[in-house]
Amino acid sequence: MADLARRDLPSRLRADEDDPLRVIAHPATFESFIARAFGALGDVALHCEYSGRIACLVRQTSEFRELSDTALDGACRNKVLIRADDLLRALAELDYRRRLRDGNALLGGTV
């Protein structure tokens, strides 16, 4: 994700070597990659009960949050930090994690 944060994403407009427009693709946005990443981490977190694995998830999420806090700005930054904080809360509070899991909520922000 850190590498992705520093890159320009490709245009959704695809042309061939003669320059006529051939395809308009669904845009790949940084926000969609973040949603997928937190969705995956959230799914793992909601179903993890082993303290060693939870500690690993906390470390990874904390590192990702710290990197995002320094490397991003604006709305993207705020969304990432909110999701990271929610994930960290789920990892720290068993009751919260179970409520999220039992309510079929996903920390990635998608259903």
PDB file of N, CA and C in Angstrom:
ATOM      1  N   MET A   1       0.821  -1.183   0.000  1.00  0.00           N
ATOM      2  CA  MET A   1       0.000   0.000   0.000  1.00  0.00           C
ATOM      3  C   MET A   1       0.873   1.258   0.000  1.00  0.00           C
ATOM      4  N   ALA A   2       2.018   1.186   0.664  1.00  0.00           N
ATOM      5  CA  ALA A   2       2.906   2.347   0.680  1.00  0.00           C
ATOM      6  C   ALA A   2       3.400   2.662  -0.729  1.00  0.00           C
ATOM      7  N   ASP A   3       3.762   1.620  -1.489  1.00  0.00           N
ATOM      8  CA  ASP A   3       4.182   1.834  -2.879  1.00  0.00           C
ATOM      9  C   ASP A   3       3.040   2.426  -3.697  1.00  0.00           C
ATOM     10  N   LEU A   4       1.851   1.919  -3.476  1.00  0.00           N
ATOM     11  CA  LEU A   4       0.679   2.406  -4.194  1.00  0.00           C
ATOM     12  C   LEU A   4       0.401   3.871  -3.866  1.00  0.00           C
ATOM     13  N   ALA A   5       0.629   4.253  -2.619  1.00  0.00           N
ATOM     14  CA  ALA A   5       0.382   5.633  -2.198  1.00  0.00           C
ATOM     15  C   ALA A   5       1.273   6.623  -2.936  1.00  0.00           C
ATOM     16  N   ARG A   6       2.437   6.161  -3.400  1.00  0.00           N
ATOM     17  CA  ARG A   6       3.373   7.052  -4.095  1.00  0.00           C
ATOM     18  C   ARG A   6       3.224   7.029  -5.619  1.00  0.00           C
ATOM     19  N   ARG A   7       2.376   6.187  -6.132  1.00  0.00           N
ATOM     20  CA  ARG A   7       2.250   6.028  -7.587  1.00  0.00           C
ATOM     21  C   ARG A   7       1.021   6.737  -8.139  1.00  0.00           C
ATOM     22  N   ASP A   8       1.120   7.105  -9.406  1.00  0.00           N
ATOM     23  CA  ASP A   8      -0.060   7.561 -10.132  1.00  0.00           C
ATOM     24  C   ASP A   8      -0.778   6.315 -10.643  1.00  0.00           C
ATOM     25  N   LEU A   9      -2.074   6.298 -10.472  1.00  0.00           N
ATOM     26  CA  LEU A   9      -2.851   5.161 -10.972  1.00  0.00           C
ATOM     27  C   LEU A   9      -3.153   5.378 -12.450  1.00  0.00           C
ATOM     28  N   PRO A  10      -3.284   4.308 -13.208  1.00  0.00           N
ATOM     29  CA  PRO A  10      -3.512   4.459 -14.649  1.00  0.00           C
ATOM     30  C   PRO A  10      -4.859   5.110 -14.945  1.00  0.00           C
ATOM     31  N   SER A  11      -4.912   5.759 -16.061  1.00  0.00           N
ATOM     32  CA  SER A  11      -6.152   6.375 -16.517  1.00  0.00           C
ATOM     33  C   SER A  11      -7.185   5.297 -16.797  1.00  0.00           C
ATOM     34  N   ARG A  12      -8.440   5.640 -16.634  1.00  0.00           N
ATOM     35  CA  ARG A  12      -9.495   4.678 -16.968  1.00  0.00           C
ATOM     36  C   ARG A  12      -9.758   4.653 -18.468  1.00  0.00           C
ATOM     37  N   LEU A  13      -9.155   5.574 -19.191  1.00  0.00           N
ATOM     38  CA  LEU A  13      -9.299   5.633 -20.644  1.00  0.00           C
ATOM     39  C   LEU A  13      -8.151   4.860 -21.289  1.00  0.00           C
ATOM     40  N   ARG A  14      -8.482   3.892 -22.132  1.00  0.00           N
ATOM     41  CA  ARG A  14      -7.466   3.049 -22.770  1.00  0.00           C
ATOM     42  C   ARG A  14      -7.511   3.268 -24.284  1.00  0.00           C
ATOM     43  N   ALA A  15      -6.341   3.577 -24.812  1.00  0.00           N
ATOM     44  CA  ALA A  15      -6.227   3.806 -26.260  1.00  0.00           C
ATOM     45  C   ALA A  15      -5.157   2.874 -26.815  1.00  0.00           C
ATOM     46  N   ASP A  16      -5.212   2.648 -28.122  1.00  0.00           N
ATOM     47  CA  ASP A  16      -4.156   1.836 -28.728  1.00  0.00           C
ATOM     48  C   ASP A  16      -3.062   2.758 -29.252  1.00  0.00           C
ATOM     49  N   GLU A  17      -2.107   2.183 -29.977  1.00  0.00           N
ATOM     50  CA  GLU A  17      -0.959   2.976 -30.429  1.00  0.00           C
ATOM     51  C   GLU A  17      -1.325   4.095 -31.402  1.00  0.00           C
ATOM     52  N   ASP A  18      -2.473   4.010 -32.063  1.00  0.00           N
ATOM     53  CA  ASP A  18      -2.908   5.065 -32.980  1.00  0.00           C
ATOM     54  C   ASP A  18      -3.732   6.136 -32.269  1.00  0.00           C
ATOM     55  N   ASP A  19      -3.879   6.016 -30.956  1.00  0.00           N
ATOM     56  CA  ASP A  19      -4.561   6.956 -30.082  1.00  0.00           C
ATOM     57  C   ASP A  19      -6.088   6.974 -30.092  1.00  0.00           C
ATOM     58  N   PRO A  20      -6.795   6.176 -30.887  1.00  0.00           N
ATOM     59  CA  PRO A  20      -8.242   6.201 -30.712  1.00  0.00           C
ATOM     60  C   PRO A  20      -8.620   5.513 -29.397  1.00  0.00           C
ATOM     61  N   LEU A  21      -9.599   6.086 -28.745  1.00  0.00           N
ATOM     62  CA  LEU A  21     -10.095   5.521 -27.492  1.00  0.00           C
ATOM     63  C   LEU A  21     -10.737   4.167 -27.777  1.00  0.00           C
ATOM     64  N   ARG A  22     -10.326   3.132 -27.044  1.00  0.00           N
ATOM     65  CA  ARG A  22     -10.846   1.784 -27.256  1.00  0.00           C
ATOM     66  C   ARG A  22     -11.687   1.281 -26.079  1.00  0.00           C
ATOM     67  N   VAL A  23     -11.302   1.653 -24.870  1.00  0.00           N
ATOM     68  CA  VAL A  23     -11.984   1.124 -23.685  1.00  0.00           C
ATOM     69  C   VAL A  23     -12.044   2.209 -22.612  1.00  0.00           C
ATOM     70  N   ILE A  24     -13.169   2.256 -21.936  1.00  0.00           N
ATOM     71  CA  ILE A  24     -13.282   3.068 -20.725  1.00  0.00           C
ATOM     72  C   ILE A  24     -13.473   2.073 -19.580  1.00  0.00           C
ATOM     73  N   ALA A  25     -12.433   1.919 -18.783  1.00  0.00           N
ATOM     74  CA  ALA A  25     -12.435   0.922 -17.711  1.00  0.00           C
ATOM     75  C   ALA A  25     -13.011   1.516 -16.423  1.00  0.00           C
ATOM     76  N   HIS A  26     -13.413   0.633 -15.526  1.00  0.00           N
ATOM     77  CA  HIS A  26     -13.783   1.094 -14.195  1.00  0.00           C
ATOM     78  C   HIS A  26     -12.517   1.602 -13.531  1.00  0.00           C
ATOM     79  N   PRO A  27     -12.559   2.772 -12.932  1.00  0.00           N
ATOM     80  CA  PRO A  27     -11.325   3.335 -12.373  1.00  0.00           C
ATOM     81  C   PRO A  27     -10.830   2.546 -11.166  1.00  0.00           C
ATOM     82  N   ALA A  28      -9.537   2.354 -11.112  1.00  0.00           N
ATOM     83  CA  ALA A  28      -8.899   1.790  -9.926  1.00  0.00           C
ATOM     84  C   ALA A  28      -8.469   2.975  -9.081  1.00  0.00           C
ATOM     85  N   THR A  29      -9.075   3.118  -7.927  1.00  0.00           N
ATOM     86  CA  THR A  29      -8.758   4.256  -7.066  1.00  0.00           C
ATOM     87  C   THR A  29      -8.000   3.792  -5.840  1.00  0.00           C
ATOM     88  N   PHE A  30      -7.260   4.703  -5.262  1.00  0.00           N
ATOM     89  CA  PHE A  30      -6.551   4.396  -4.030  1.00  0.00           C
ATOM     90  C   PHE A  30      -7.551   4.000  -2.953  1.00  0.00           C
ATOM     91  N   GLU A  31      -8.659   4.689  -2.903  1.00  0.00           N
ATOM     92  CA  GLU A  31      -9.689   4.390  -1.910  1.00  0.00           C
ATOM     93  C   GLU A  31     -10.216   2.959  -2.055  1.00  0.00           C
ATOM     94  N   SER A  32     -10.388   2.485  -3.288  1.00  0.00           N
ATOM     95  CA  SER A  32     -10.883   1.115  -3.467  1.00  0.00           C
ATOM     96  C   SER A  32      -9.859   0.091  -2.999  1.00  0.00           C
ATOM     97  N   PHE A  33      -8.568   0.374  -3.195  1.00  0.00           N
ATOM     98  CA  PHE A  33      -7.532  -0.538  -2.700  1.00  0.00           C
ATOM     99  C   PHE A  33      -7.512  -0.559  -1.175  1.00  0.00           C
ATOM    100  N   ILE A  34      -7.677   0.602  -0.559  1.00  0.00           N
ATOM    101  CA  ILE A  34      -7.712   0.682   0.903  1.00  0.00           C
ATOM    102  C   ILE A  34      -8.918  -0.082   1.436  1.00  0.00           C
ATOM    103  N   ALA A  35     -10.069   0.087   0.799  1.00  0.00           N
ATOM    104  CA  ALA A  35     -11.275  -0.623   1.238  1.00  0.00           C
ATOM    105  C   ALA A  35     -11.057  -2.133   1.179  1.00  0.00           C
ATOM    106  N   ARG A  36     -10.413  -2.606   0.118  1.00  0.00           N
ATOM    107  CA  ARG A  36     -10.140  -4.039  -0.001  1.00  0.00           C
ATOM    108  C   ARG A  36      -9.170  -4.506   1.077  1.00  0.00           C
ATOM    109  N   ALA A  37      -8.132  -3.712   1.314  1.00  0.00           N
ATOM    110  CA  ALA A  37      -7.135  -4.090   2.323  1.00  0.00           C
ATOM    111  C   ALA A  37      -7.767  -4.166   3.704  1.00  0.00           C
ATOM    112  N   PHE A  38      -8.548  -3.156   4.057  1.00  0.00           N
ATOM    113  CA  PHE A  38      -9.169  -3.183   5.374  1.00  0.00           C
ATOM    114  C   PHE A  38     -10.295  -4.205   5.435  1.00  0.00           C
ATOM    115  N   GLY A  39     -10.930  -4.468   4.328  1.00  0.00           N
ATOM    116  CA  GLY A  39     -11.932  -5.527   4.315  1.00  0.00           C
ATOM    117  C   GLY A  39     -11.298  -6.868   4.625  1.00  0.00           C
ATOM    118  N   ALA A  40     -10.126  -7.128   4.025  1.00  0.00           N
ATOM    119  CA  ALA A  40      -9.423  -8.383   4.281  1.00  0.00           C
ATOM    120  C   ALA A  40      -8.939  -8.455   5.721  1.00  0.00           C
ATOM    121  N   LEU A  41      -8.301  -7.386   6.188  1.00  0.00           N
ATOM    122  CA  LEU A  41      -7.840  -7.369   7.576  1.00  0.00           C
ATOM    123  C   LEU A  41      -9.014  -7.475   8.541  1.00  0.00           C
ATOM    124  N   GLY A  42     -10.090  -6.778   8.237  1.00  0.00           N
ATOM    125  CA  GLY A  42     -11.268  -6.814   9.088  1.00  0.00           C
ATOM    126  C   GLY A  42     -11.867  -8.198   9.161  1.00  0.00           C
ATOM    127  N   ASP A  43     -11.939  -8.879   8.034  1.00  0.00           N
ATOM    128  CA  ASP A  43     -12.491 -10.223   8.016  1.00  0.00           C
ATOM    129  C   ASP A  43     -11.639 -11.165   8.856  1.00  0.00           C
ATOM    130  N   VAL A  44     -10.330 -11.066   8.716  1.00  0.00           N
ATOM    131  CA  VAL A  44      -9.428 -11.885   9.520  1.00  0.00           C
ATOM    132  C   VAL A  44      -9.601 -11.535  11.000  1.00  0.00           C
ATOM    133  N   ALA A  45      -9.627 -10.244  11.316  1.00  0.00           N
ATOM    134  CA  ALA A  45      -9.740  -9.801  12.711  1.00  0.00           C
ATOM    135  C   ALA A  45     -11.028 -10.280  13.361  1.00  0.00           C
ATOM    136  N   LEU A  46     -12.122 -10.228  12.631  1.00  0.00           N
ATOM    137  CA  LEU A  46     -13.409 -10.611  13.204  1.00  0.00           C
ATOM    138  C   LEU A  46     -13.477 -12.092  13.558  1.00  0.00           C
ATOM    139  N   HIS A  47     -12.666 -12.897  12.918  1.00  0.00           N
ATOM    140  CA  HIS A  47     -12.727 -14.336  13.137  1.00  0.00           C
ATOM    141  C   HIS A  47     -11.520 -14.885  13.887  1.00  0.00           C
ATOM    142  N   CYS A  48     -10.626 -14.024  14.298  1.00  0.00           N
ATOM    143  CA  CYS A  48      -9.403 -14.459  14.977  1.00  0.00           C
ATOM    144  C   CYS A  48      -9.605 -14.416  16.493  1.00  0.00           C
ATOM    145  N   GLU A  49      -9.231 -15.503  17.152  1.00  0.00           N
ATOM    146  CA  GLU A  49      -9.353 -15.585  18.613  1.00  0.00           C
ATOM    147  C   GLU A  49      -7.993 -15.832  19.284  1.00  0.00           C
ATOM    148  N   TYR A  50      -6.925 -16.050  18.520  1.00  0.00           N
ATOM    149  CA  TYR A  50      -5.618 -16.381  19.081  1.00  0.00           C
ATOM    150  C   TYR A  50      -4.826 -15.112  19.376  1.00  0.00           C
ATOM    151  N   SER A  51      -4.378 -14.974  20.617  1.00  0.00           N
ATOM    152  CA  SER A  51      -3.726 -13.736  21.056  1.00  0.00           C
ATOM    153  C   SER A  51      -2.472 -13.403  20.245  1.00  0.00           C
ATOM    154  N   GLY A  52      -1.672 -14.397  19.896  1.00  0.00           N
ATOM    155  CA  GLY A  52      -0.472 -14.136  19.101  1.00  0.00           C
ATOM    156  C   GLY A  52      -0.800 -13.597  17.721  1.00  0.00           C
ATOM    157  N   ARG A  53      -1.848 -14.116  17.133  1.00  0.00           N
ATOM    158  CA  ARG A  53      -2.262 -13.653  15.806  1.00  0.00           C
ATOM    159  C   ARG A  53      -2.911 -12.271  15.902  1.00  0.00           C
ATOM    160  N   ILE A  54      -3.656 -12.051  16.963  1.00  0.00           N
ATOM    161  CA  ILE A  54      -4.254 -10.725  17.170  1.00  0.00           C
ATOM    162  C   ILE A  54      -3.153  -9.691  17.340  1.00  0.00           C
ATOM    163  N   ALA A  55      -2.103 -10.035  18.091  1.00  0.00           N
ATOM    164  CA  ALA A  55      -0.970  -9.126  18.266  1.00  0.00           C
ATOM    165  C   ALA A  55      -0.326  -8.788  16.925  1.00  0.00           C
ATOM    166  N   CYS A  56      -0.206  -9.777  16.049  1.00  0.00           N
ATOM    167  CA  CYS A  56       0.338  -9.546  14.702  1.00  0.00           C
ATOM    168  C   CYS A  56      -0.550  -8.586  13.923  1.00  0.00           C
ATOM    169  N   LEU A  57      -1.859  -8.794  13.990  1.00  0.00           N
ATOM    170  CA  LEU A  57      -2.796  -7.905  13.295  1.00  0.00           C
ATOM    171  C   LEU A  57      -2.733  -6.494  13.860  1.00  0.00           C
ATOM    172  N   VAL A  58      -2.586  -6.358  15.168  1.00  0.00           N
ATOM    173  CA  VAL A  58      -2.466  -5.035  15.798  1.00  0.00           C
ATOM    174  C   VAL A  58      -1.202  -4.340  15.303  1.00  0.00           C
ATOM    175  N   ARG A  59      -0.080  -5.053  15.274  1.00  0.00           N
ATOM    176  CA  ARG A  59       1.177  -4.462  14.794  1.00  0.00           C
ATOM    177  C   ARG A  59       1.046  -3.995  13.348  1.00  0.00           C
ATOM    178  N   GLN A  60       0.521  -4.866  12.491  1.00  0.00           N
ATOM    179  CA  GLN A  60       0.397  -4.521  11.075  1.00  0.00           C
ATOM    180  C   GLN A  60      -0.545  -3.334  10.876  1.00  0.00           C
ATOM    181  N   THR A  61      -1.661  -3.345  11.572  1.00  0.00           N
ATOM    182  CA  THR A  61      -2.625  -2.252  11.437  1.00  0.00           C
ATOM    183  C   THR A  61      -2.038  -0.954  11.961  1.00  0.00           C
ATOM    184  N   SER A  62      -1.335  -1.020  13.090  1.00  0.00           N
ATOM    185  CA  SER A  62      -0.718   0.177  13.666  1.00  0.00           C
ATOM    186  C   SER A  62       0.344   0.758  12.735  1.00  0.00           C
ATOM    187  N   GLU A  63       1.163  -0.114  12.153  1.00  0.00           N
ATOM    188  CA  GLU A  63       2.183   0.349  11.203  1.00  0.00           C
ATOM    189  C   GLU A  63       1.536   0.971   9.967  1.00  0.00           C
ATOM    190  N   PHE A  64       0.502   0.332   9.462  1.00  0.00           N
ATOM    191  CA  PHE A  64      -0.206   0.858   8.299  1.00  0.00           C
ATOM    192  C   PHE A  64      -0.850   2.199   8.626  1.00  0.00           C
ATOM    193  N   ARG A  65      -1.429   2.312   9.827  1.00  0.00           N
ATOM    194  CA  ARG A  65      -2.061   3.553  10.249  1.00  0.00           C
ATOM    195  C   ARG A  65      -1.018   4.670  10.341  1.00  0.00           C
ATOM    196  N   GLU A  66       0.119   4.378  10.944  1.00  0.00           N
ATOM    197  CA  GLU A  66       1.176   5.371  11.096  1.00  0.00           C
ATOM    198  C   GLU A  66       1.701   5.844   9.736  1.00  0.00           C
ATOM    199  N   LEU A  67       1.924   4.904   8.845  1.00  0.00           N
ATOM    200  CA  LEU A  67       2.386   5.248   7.505  1.00  0.00           C
ATOM    201  C   LEU A  67       1.344   6.106   6.782  1.00  0.00           C
ATOM    202  N   SER A  68       0.089   5.727   6.885  1.00  0.00           N
ATOM    203  CA  SER A  68      -0.989   6.480   6.230  1.00  0.00           C
ATOM    204  C   SER A  68      -1.104   7.883   6.802  1.00  0.00           C
ATOM    205  N   ASP A  69      -0.911   8.006   8.109  1.00  0.00           N
ATOM    206  CA  ASP A  69      -1.013   9.304   8.772  1.00  0.00           C
ATOM    207  C   ASP A  69       0.044  10.272   8.259  1.00  0.00           C
ATOM    208  N   THR A  70       1.227   9.761   7.926  1.00  0.00           N
ATOM    209  CA  THR A  70       2.290  10.629   7.443  1.00  0.00           C
ATOM    210  C   THR A  70       2.315  10.775   5.925  1.00  0.00           C
ATOM    211  N   ALA A  71       1.864   9.750   5.190  1.00  0.00           N
ATOM    212  CA  ALA A  71       2.003   9.752   3.729  1.00  0.00           C
ATOM    213  C   ALA A  71       0.776  10.279   2.991  1.00  0.00           C
ATOM    214  N   LEU A  72      -0.384  10.267   3.630  1.00  0.00           N
ATOM    215  CA  LEU A  72      -1.615  10.685   2.959  1.00  0.00           C
ATOM    216  C   LEU A  72      -2.096  12.022   3.500  1.00  0.00           C
ATOM    217  N   ASP A  73      -3.007  12.629   2.742  1.00  0.00           N
ATOM    218  CA  ASP A  73      -3.645  13.841   3.254  1.00  0.00           C
ATOM    219  C   ASP A  73      -5.094  13.879   2.773  1.00  0.00           C
ATOM    220  N   GLY A  74      -5.837  14.797   3.313  1.00  0.00           N
ATOM    221  CA  GLY A  74      -7.213  15.003   2.884  1.00  0.00           C
ATOM    222  C   GLY A  74      -8.142  13.875   3.261  1.00  0.00           C
ATOM    223  N   ALA A  75      -9.168  13.699   2.432  1.00  0.00           N
ATOM    224  CA  ALA A  75     -10.235  12.741   2.713  1.00  0.00           C
ATOM    225  C   ALA A  75      -9.720  11.307   2.755  1.00  0.00           C
ATOM    226  N   CYS A  76      -8.786  10.959   1.863  1.00  0.00           N
ATOM    227  CA  CYS A  76      -8.234   9.590   1.870  1.00  0.00           C
ATOM    228  C   CYS A  76      -7.598   9.303   3.224  1.00  0.00           C
ATOM    229  N   ARG A  77      -6.803  10.220   3.712  1.00  0.00           N
ATOM    230  CA  ARG A  77      -6.136  10.037   4.997  1.00  0.00           C
ATOM    231  C   ARG A  77      -7.157   9.820   6.097  1.00  0.00           C
ATOM    232  N   ASN A  78      -8.170  10.667   6.135  1.00  0.00           N
ATOM    233  CA  ASN A  78      -9.176  10.572   7.195  1.00  0.00           C
ATOM    234  C   ASN A  78      -9.902   9.235   7.157  1.00  0.00           C
ATOM    235  N   LYS A  79     -10.265   8.769   5.974  1.00  0.00           N
ATOM    236  CA  LYS A  79     -10.964   7.487   5.856  1.00  0.00           C
ATOM    237  C   LYS A  79     -10.088   6.326   6.308  1.00  0.00           C
ATOM    238  N   VAL A  80      -8.827   6.353   5.935  1.00  0.00           N
ATOM    239  CA  VAL A  80      -7.915   5.285   6.334  1.00  0.00           C
ATOM    240  C   VAL A  80      -7.759   5.275   7.857  1.00  0.00           C
ATOM    241  N   LEU A  81      -7.574   6.448   8.445  1.00  0.00           N
ATOM    242  CA  LEU A  81      -7.381   6.509   9.900  1.00  0.00           C
ATOM    243  C   LEU A  81      -8.624   6.048  10.651  1.00  0.00           C
ATOM    244  N   ILE A  82      -9.794   6.411  10.170  1.00  0.00           N
ATOM    245  CA  ILE A  82     -11.044   5.969  10.813  1.00  0.00           C
ATOM    246  C   ILE A  82     -11.158   4.449  10.750  1.00  0.00           C
ATOM    247  N   ARG A  83     -10.881   3.880   9.603  1.00  0.00           N
ATOM    248  CA  ARG A  83     -10.973   2.418   9.460  1.00  0.00           C
ATOM    249  C   ARG A  83      -9.914   1.715  10.301  1.00  0.00           C
ATOM    250  N   ALA A  84      -8.716   2.268  10.333  1.00  0.00           N
ATOM    251  CA  ALA A  84      -7.655   1.666  11.152  1.00  0.00           C
ATOM    252  C   ALA A  84      -8.038   1.700  12.624  1.00  0.00           C
ATOM    253  N   ASP A  85      -8.570   2.827  13.079  1.00  0.00           N
ATOM    254  CA  ASP A  85      -8.986   2.936  14.478  1.00  0.00           C
ATOM    255  C   ASP A  85     -10.104   1.951  14.800  1.00  0.00           C
ATOM    256  N   ASP A  86     -11.035   1.781  13.887  1.00  0.00           N
ATOM    257  CA  ASP A  86     -12.125   0.830  14.095  1.00  0.00           C
ATOM    258  C   ASP A  86     -11.586  -0.600  14.163  1.00  0.00           C
ATOM    259  N   LEU A  87     -10.647  -0.917  13.298  1.00  0.00           N
ATOM    260  CA  LEU A  87     -10.039  -2.241  13.314  1.00  0.00           C
ATOM    261  C   LEU A  87      -9.261  -2.458  14.603  1.00  0.00           C
ATOM    262  N   LEU A  88      -8.502  -1.457  15.035  1.00  0.00           N
ATOM    263  CA  LEU A  88      -7.756  -1.587  16.282  1.00  0.00           C
ATOM    264  C   LEU A  88      -8.692  -1.764  17.472  1.00  0.00           C
ATOM    265  N   ARG A  89      -9.828  -1.074  17.452  1.00  0.00           N
ATOM    266  CA  ARG A  89     -10.812  -1.260  18.524  1.00  0.00           C
ATOM    267  C   ARG A  89     -11.354  -2.685  18.514  1.00  0.00           C
ATOM    268  N   ALA A  90     -11.658  -3.196  17.333  1.00  0.00           N
ATOM    269  CA  ALA A  90     -12.172  -4.565  17.233  1.00  0.00           C
ATOM    270  C   ALA A  90     -11.141  -5.571  17.738  1.00  0.00           C
ATOM    271  N   LEU A  91      -9.878  -5.312  17.467  1.00  0.00           N
ATOM    272  CA  LEU A  91      -8.836  -6.225  17.927  1.00  0.00           C
ATOM    273  C   LEU A  91      -8.634  -6.135  19.436  1.00  0.00           C
ATOM    274  N   ALA A  92      -8.862  -4.961  20.015  1.00  0.00           N
ATOM    275  CA  ALA A  92      -8.649  -4.755  21.448  1.00  0.00           C
ATOM    276  C   ALA A  92      -9.840  -5.183  22.298  1.00  0.00           C
ATOM    277  N   GLU A  93     -11.038  -5.084  21.746  1.00  0.00           N
ATOM    278  CA  GLU A  93     -12.252  -5.339  22.531  1.00  0.00           C
ATOM    279  C   GLU A  93     -13.002  -6.540  21.961  1.00  0.00           C
ATOM    280  N   LEU A  94     -12.918  -7.650  22.683  1.00  0.00           N
ATOM    281  CA  LEU A  94     -13.553  -8.886  22.228  1.00  0.00           C
ATOM    282  C   LEU A  94     -15.052  -8.708  22.010  1.00  0.00           C
ATOM    283  N   ASP A  95     -15.733  -8.015  22.917  1.00  0.00           N
ATOM    284  CA  ASP A  95     -17.179  -7.817  22.770  1.00  0.00           C
ATOM    285  C   ASP A  95     -17.507  -7.018  21.514  1.00  0.00           C
ATOM    286  N   TYR A  96     -16.731  -5.988  21.237  1.00  0.00           N
ATOM    287  CA  TYR A  96     -16.939  -5.181  20.029  1.00  0.00           C
ATOM    288  C   TYR A  96     -16.708  -6.035  18.787  1.00  0.00           C
ATOM    289  N   ARG A  97     -15.647  -6.818  18.813  1.00  0.00           N
ATOM    290  CA  ARG A  97     -15.326  -7.700  17.677  1.00  0.00           C
ATOM    291  C   ARG A  97     -16.469  -8.689  17.439  1.00  0.00           C
ATOM    292  N   ARG A  98     -16.990  -9.272  18.505  1.00  0.00           N
ATOM    293  CA  ARG A  98     -18.091 -10.219  18.359  1.00  0.00           C
ATOM    294  C   ARG A  98     -19.360  -9.547  17.854  1.00  0.00           C
ATOM    295  N   ARG A  99     -19.634  -8.327  18.333  1.00  0.00           N
ATOM    296  CA  ARG A  99     -20.819  -7.607  17.831  1.00  0.00           C
ATOM    297  C   ARG A  99     -20.696  -7.337  16.343  1.00  0.00           C
ATOM    298  N   LEU A 100     -19.517  -6.924  15.903  1.00  0.00           N
ATOM    299  CA  LEU A 100     -19.306  -6.699  14.470  1.00  0.00           C
ATOM    300  C   LEU A 100     -19.475  -7.995  13.692  1.00  0.00           C
ATOM    301  N   ARG A 101     -18.881  -9.064  14.190  1.00  0.00           N
ATOM    302  CA  ARG A 101     -18.949 -10.358  13.499  1.00  0.00           C
ATOM    303  C   ARG A 101     -20.390 -10.858  13.446  1.00  0.00           C
ATOM    304  N   ASP A 102     -21.080 -10.812  14.566  1.00  0.00           N
ATOM    305  CA  ASP A 102     -22.450 -11.331  14.616  1.00  0.00           C
ATOM    306  C   ASP A 102     -23.422 -10.466  13.839  1.00  0.00           C
ATOM    307  N   GLY A 103     -23.086  -9.182  13.650  1.00  0.00           N
ATOM    308  CA  GLY A 103     -23.945  -8.285  12.886  1.00  0.00           C
ATOM    309  C   GLY A 103     -23.630  -8.291  11.409  1.00  0.00           C
ATOM    310  N   ASN A 104     -22.694  -9.147  10.980  1.00  0.00           N
ATOM    311  CA  ASN A 104     -22.289  -9.245   9.581  1.00  0.00           C
ATOM    312  C   ASN A 104     -21.733  -7.944   9.029  1.00  0.00           C
ATOM    313  N   ALA A 105     -21.153  -7.123   9.906  1.00  0.00           N
ATOM    314  CA  ALA A 105     -20.509  -5.882   9.467  1.00  0.00           C
ATOM    315  C   ALA A 105     -19.093  -6.198   9.008  1.00  0.00           C
ATOM    316  N   LEU A 106     -18.648  -5.462   8.015  1.00  0.00           N
ATOM    317  CA  LEU A 106     -17.279  -5.610   7.545  1.00  0.00           C
ATOM    318  C   LEU A 106     -16.524  -4.327   7.818  1.00  0.00           C
ATOM    319  N   LEU A 107     -15.327  -4.454   8.341  1.00  0.00           N
ATOM    320  CA  LEU A 107     -14.538  -3.272   8.633  1.00  0.00           C
ATOM    321  C   LEU A 107     -14.021  -2.598   7.376  1.00  0.00           C
ATOM    322  N   GLY A 108     -14.096  -3.263   6.247  1.00  0.00           N
ATOM    323  CA  GLY A 108     -13.644  -2.667   4.998  1.00  0.00           C
ATOM    324  C   GLY A 108     -14.608  -1.655   4.431  1.00  0.00           C
ATOM    325  N   GLY A 109     -15.794  -1.574   4.983  1.00  0.00           N
ATOM    326  CA  GLY A 109     -16.748  -0.581   4.525  1.00  0.00           C
ATOM    327  C   GLY A 109     -17.641  -1.059   3.399  1.00  0.00           C
ATOM    328  N   THR A 110     -17.553  -2.329   3.062  1.00  0.00           N
ATOM    329  CA  THR A 110     -18.403  -2.859   2.000  1.00  0.00           C
ATOM    330  C   THR A 110     -19.156  -4.054   2.536  1.00  0.00           C
ATOM    331  N   VAL A 111     -20.251  -4.395   1.898  1.00  0.00           N
ATOM    332  CA  VAL A 111     -21.052  -5.546   2.319  1.00  0.00           C
ATOM    333  C   VAL A 111     -20.896  -6.650   1.301  1.00  0.00           C
TER     334      VAL A 111
END
